[in-house]
């Protein structure tokens, strides 16, 4: 499965719906991801399809997570 790392630690990862026999794919973020937003923020997103808007949002999240 694809993943992005920073300083040797996994920041975000992708889990295929097909491989895990689930209804949606998952884009997840680990502790090193720089996504803090107050006291509560999402660490995983469900994907049922990938649109251009989704691609842009994912790109922004990955950039923020790795900053």
Protein backbone atom coordinates (compact mmCIF):
# COMPACT_ATOMS: atom_id res chain seq x y z
CA UNK A 1 0.00 0.00 0.00
CA UNK A 2 1.28 3.51 -0.77
CA UNK A 3 2.45 5.66 2.13
CA UNK A 4 4.34 8.89 2.66
CA UNK A 5 7.06 9.23 5.28
CA UNK A 6 8.89 12.12 6.91
CA UNK A 7 12.14 11.57 8.77
CA UNK A 8 11.64 7.81 8.49
CA UNK A 9 8.16 7.81 10.06
CA UNK A 10 4.95 7.07 8.17
CA UNK A 11 2.84 10.24 7.99
CA UNK A 12 -0.05 9.02 5.83
CA UNK A 13 -1.14 5.83 4.11
CA UNK A 14 -3.72 4.45 1.70
CA UNK A 15 -5.66 1.20 2.17
CA UNK A 16 -7.41 -0.26 -0.86
CA UNK A 17 -11.07 -1.20 -0.52
CA UNK A 18 -10.55 -4.14 -2.85
CA UNK A 19 -7.59 -5.59 -0.95
CA UNK A 20 -9.35 -5.35 2.42
CA UNK A 21 -12.77 -6.32 1.01
CA UNK A 22 -14.43 -3.20 2.37
CA UNK A 23 -16.93 -0.83 0.86
CA UNK A 24 -14.53 2.14 0.85
CA UNK A 25 -10.83 2.86 0.57
CA UNK A 26 -9.13 4.62 3.48
CA UNK A 27 -6.69 7.52 3.53
CA UNK A 28 -5.21 7.63 7.02
CA UNK A 29 -2.76 9.77 8.94
CA UNK A 30 -0.45 8.69 11.77
CA UNK A 31 0.73 10.65 14.84
CA UNK A 32 3.64 12.42 13.06
CA UNK A 33 1.16 14.08 10.65
CA UNK A 34 0.93 17.82 11.23
CA UNK A 35 -2.89 18.01 11.08
CA UNK A 36 -3.57 19.29 14.60
CA UNK A 37 -6.63 21.54 14.69
CA UNK A 38 -7.60 22.32 18.26
CA UNK A 39 -8.38 19.30 20.44
CA UNK A 40 -10.07 17.14 17.79
CA UNK A 41 -9.33 16.41 14.11
CA UNK A 42 -9.87 13.55 11.64
CA UNK A 43 -7.12 10.97 11.22
CA UNK A 44 -8.78 8.89 8.46
CA UNK A 45 -11.04 9.51 5.49
CA UNK A 46 -13.27 7.05 3.62
CA UNK A 47 -13.15 7.21 -0.18
CA UNK A 48 -15.83 5.67 -2.39
CA UNK A 49 -14.57 7.37 -5.56
CA UNK A 50 -11.90 9.90 -6.48
CA UNK A 51 -12.94 13.21 -8.02
CA UNK A 52 -10.76 16.15 -9.04
CA UNK A 53 -11.90 18.01 -5.91
CA UNK A 54 -10.95 15.00 -3.76
CA UNK A 55 -7.51 14.87 -5.39
CA UNK A 56 -6.95 18.55 -4.58
CA UNK A 57 -8.06 18.06 -0.96
CA UNK A 58 -5.85 14.99 -0.56
CA UNK A 59 -2.88 16.89 -1.98
CA UNK A 60 -3.44 19.72 0.50
CA UNK A 61 -3.81 17.30 3.44
CA UNK A 62 -0.64 15.40 2.52
CA UNK A 63 1.29 18.67 2.13
CA UNK A 64 0.05 19.87 5.53
CA UNK A 65 0.74 16.50 7.17
CA UNK A 66 4.33 16.50 5.94
CA UNK A 67 5.05 20.13 6.87
